[in-house]
Amino acid sequence: MHADMRMVHRAGAIALFLLLAGCDLVAPDNSTSVSGSWGGVGTNLTVSHDTTYWHYECIVGSLPLAIQLSADGSFLAQGTVTGATFRGQPLRLYGAVQADSMHLYYQVQDGHGSWAAPGVSLLVRGQAATDPGILCID
């Protein structure tokens, strides 16, 4: 990915994070679930009634809850990530859903407690993940 595109993604992630920082991200009792399967380039998200699994290229995230949307369509969920160089580090997924599209931002915490710069994926409800052509060796 070109440096210019990384800057655009990073700027978008920071803008959404700042927007979401002012929102109440704890889902109210009347929140809506995003249950089902969501897919995008090299990534998929599967949300059941009590768990969420996220897969991005060679990384797998597990969350012990279903993602719930707040009234404005945003969400924040935390779990752990494994794969590649990750072995149970904290993971946070956040973003927003509008109709059948989801902007999903993800961050992994390193062993020193710092969060990595956010990555972003655009997911579509019911779509399968597309293959980015990456070979995962573990």
Protein backbone atom coordinates (compact mmCIF):
# COMPACT_ATOMS: atom_id res chain seq x y z
CA MET A 1 0.00 0.00 0.00
CA HIS A 2 1.37 3.40 -0.87
CA ALA A 3 2.33 5.83 1.87
CA ASP A 4 -0.34 8.28 0.67
CA MET A 5 -3.10 5.70 1.13
CA ARG A 6 -1.81 4.78 4.58
CA MET A 7 -1.98 8.45 5.55
CA VAL A 8 -5.56 8.69 4.27
CA HIS A 9 -6.56 5.56 6.22
CA ARG A 10 -4.77 6.77 9.34
CA ALA A 11 -6.39 10.23 9.11
CA GLY A 12 -9.82 8.63 8.66
CA ALA A 13 -9.25 6.31 11.61
CA ILE A 14 -8.17 9.17 13.83
CA ALA A 15 -11.16 11.28 12.79
CA LEU A 16 -13.58 8.44 13.53
CA PHE A 17 -11.86 7.69 16.82
CA LEU A 18 -12.18 11.32 17.89
CA LEU A 19 -15.83 11.34 16.81
CA LEU A 20 -16.53 8.14 18.70
CA ALA A 21 -14.62 9.35 21.76
CA GLY A 22 -17.41 11.83 22.43
CA CYS A 23 -20.13 9.19 22.08
CA ASP A 24 -21.52 6.87 24.70
CA LEU A 25 -20.06 3.63 23.37
CA VAL A 26 -21.64 1.41 25.99
CA ALA A 27 -24.56 -0.18 24.22
CA PRO A 28 -27.92 0.68 25.79
CA ASP A 29 -30.39 -2.07 26.67
CA ASN A 30 -32.36 -1.36 23.47
CA SER A 31 -29.31 -1.58 21.19
CA THR A 32 -29.35 -3.44 17.90
CA SER A 33 -27.16 -6.45 17.18
CA VAL A 34 -25.05 -6.74 14.05
CA SER A 35 -25.30 -10.52 14.15
CA GLY A 36 -24.39 -12.44 11.05
CA SER A 37 -21.47 -12.57 8.68
CA TRP A 38 -19.68 -9.52 7.28
CA GLY A 39 -16.89 -9.59 4.68
CA GLY A 40 -14.37 -7.34 2.97
CA VAL A 41 -10.91 -7.45 1.42
CA GLY A 42 -8.94 -10.07 3.34
CA THR A 43 -11.25 -9.84 6.35
CA ASN A 44 -14.44 -11.18 7.80
CA LEU A 45 -16.43 -10.70 10.96
CA THR A 46 -18.87 -13.24 12.36
CA VAL A 47 -21.19 -12.12 15.14
CA SER A 48 -23.39 -14.66 16.94
CA HIS A 49 -25.68 -14.12 19.92
CA ASP A 50 -22.80 -14.41 22.42
CA THR A 51 -19.46 -14.24 20.57
CA THR A 52 -17.70 -12.31 17.83
CA TYR A 53 -14.88 -13.65 15.66
CA TRP A 54 -12.76 -11.39 13.49
CA HIS A 55 -10.32 -12.61 10.88
CA TYR A 56 -7.93 -10.32 9.02
CA GLU A 57 -5.32 -11.87 6.75
CA CYS A 58 -3.23 -13.97 9.20
CA ILE A 59 -4.75 -12.60 12.42
CA VAL A 60 -7.72 -13.98 14.37
CA GLY A 61 -9.60 -12.03 17.02
CA SER A 62 -12.01 -13.47 19.55
CA LEU A 63 -14.49 -11.43 21.59
CA PRO A 64 -16.62 -13.02 24.33
CA LEU A 65 -19.71 -11.03 23.34
CA ALA A 66 -21.85 -10.03 20.41
CA ILE A 67 -21.14 -6.56 19.05
CA GLN A 68 -24.00 -4.26 19.93
CA LEU A 69 -24.70 -0.93 18.26
CA SER A 70 -25.43 2.21 20.22
CA ALA A 71 -28.29 4.46 19.12
CA ASP A 72 -26.07 6.31 16.62
CA GLY A 73 -24.86 3.09 14.93
CA SER A 74 -21.41 3.08 16.53
CA PHE A 75 -19.81 0.30 18.54
CA LEU A 76 -16.75 -0.54 20.62
CA ALA A 77 -15.83 -4.10 21.61
CA GLN A 78 -12.74 -5.69 23.15
CA GLY A 79 -11.23 -9.14 23.02
CA THR A 80 -7.92 -10.85 22.23
CA VAL A 81 -5.97 -11.55 19.07
CA THR A 82 -3.78 -14.47 17.96
CA GLY A 83 -1.83 -15.37 14.84
CA ALA A 84 1.36 -14.20 13.11
CA THR A 85 3.29 -12.55 15.95
CA PHE A 86 0.30 -12.12 18.28
CA ARG A 87 -0.33 -14.41 21.23
CA GLY A 88 -3.37 -13.24 23.16
CA GLN A 89 -2.78 -9.49 23.08
CA PRO A 90 -5.75 -7.20 23.73
CA LEU A 91 -7.76 -6.26 20.66
CA ARG A 92 -10.34 -3.55 20.21
CA LEU A 93 -12.77 -3.27 17.36
CA TYR A 94 -14.76 -0.09 16.87
CA GLY A 95 -16.61 1.66 14.12
CA ALA A 96 -20.05 2.30 12.78
CA VAL A 97 -22.75 0.54 10.79
CA GLN A 98 -25.06 2.12 8.27
CA ALA A 99 -27.57 -0.24 6.66
CA ASP A 100 -25.52 -3.20 5.37
CA SER A 101 -22.11 -1.47 5.45
CA MET A 102 -19.67 -1.38 8.34
CA HIS A 103 -16.54 0.72 8.80
CA LEU A 104 -14.48 -1.47 11.11
CA TYR A 105 -11.39 -0.10 12.85
CA TYR A 106 -9.09 -2.44 14.72
CA GLN A 107 -6.18 -1.98 17.10
CA VAL A 108 -3.90 -4.43 18.89
CA GLN A 109 -2.09 -3.62 22.12
CA ASP A 110 1.60 -4.48 22.34
CA GLY A 111 3.36 -6.01 25.34
CA HIS A 112 4.11 -2.53 26.73
CA GLY A 113 0.47 -1.43 26.85
CA SER A 114 0.58 0.82 23.77
CA TRP A 115 -2.11 0.56 21.11
CA ALA A 116 -0.93 0.22 17.51
CA ALA A 117 -2.15 2.71 14.91
CA PRO A 118 -5.65 1.69 13.84
CA GLY A 119 -6.29 -0.31 10.71
CA VAL A 120 -9.56 -0.04 8.84
CA SER A 121 -11.77 -2.31 6.75
CA LEU A 122 -15.01 -1.72 4.91
CA LEU A 123 -17.31 -4.71 5.43
CA VAL A 124 -20.59 -5.66 3.79
CA ARG A 125 -23.27 -7.76 5.52
CA GLY A 126 -23.51 -11.25 3.99
CA GLN A 127 -20.43 -10.85 1.79
CA ALA A 128 -17.61 -13.37 1.94
CA ALA A 129 -14.07 -12.19 2.58
CA THR A 130 -12.09 -11.66 -0.60
CA ASP A 131 -8.65 -13.21 -0.84
CA PRO A 132 -5.87 -10.62 -0.63
CA GLY A 133 -3.34 -13.19 -1.90
CA ILE A 134 -1.39 -13.34 1.37
CA LEU A 135 0.31 -16.54 2.46
CA CYS A 136 0.14 -16.99 6.24
CA ILE A 137 2.94 -18.99 7.82
CA ASP A 138 2.70 -19.59 11.54
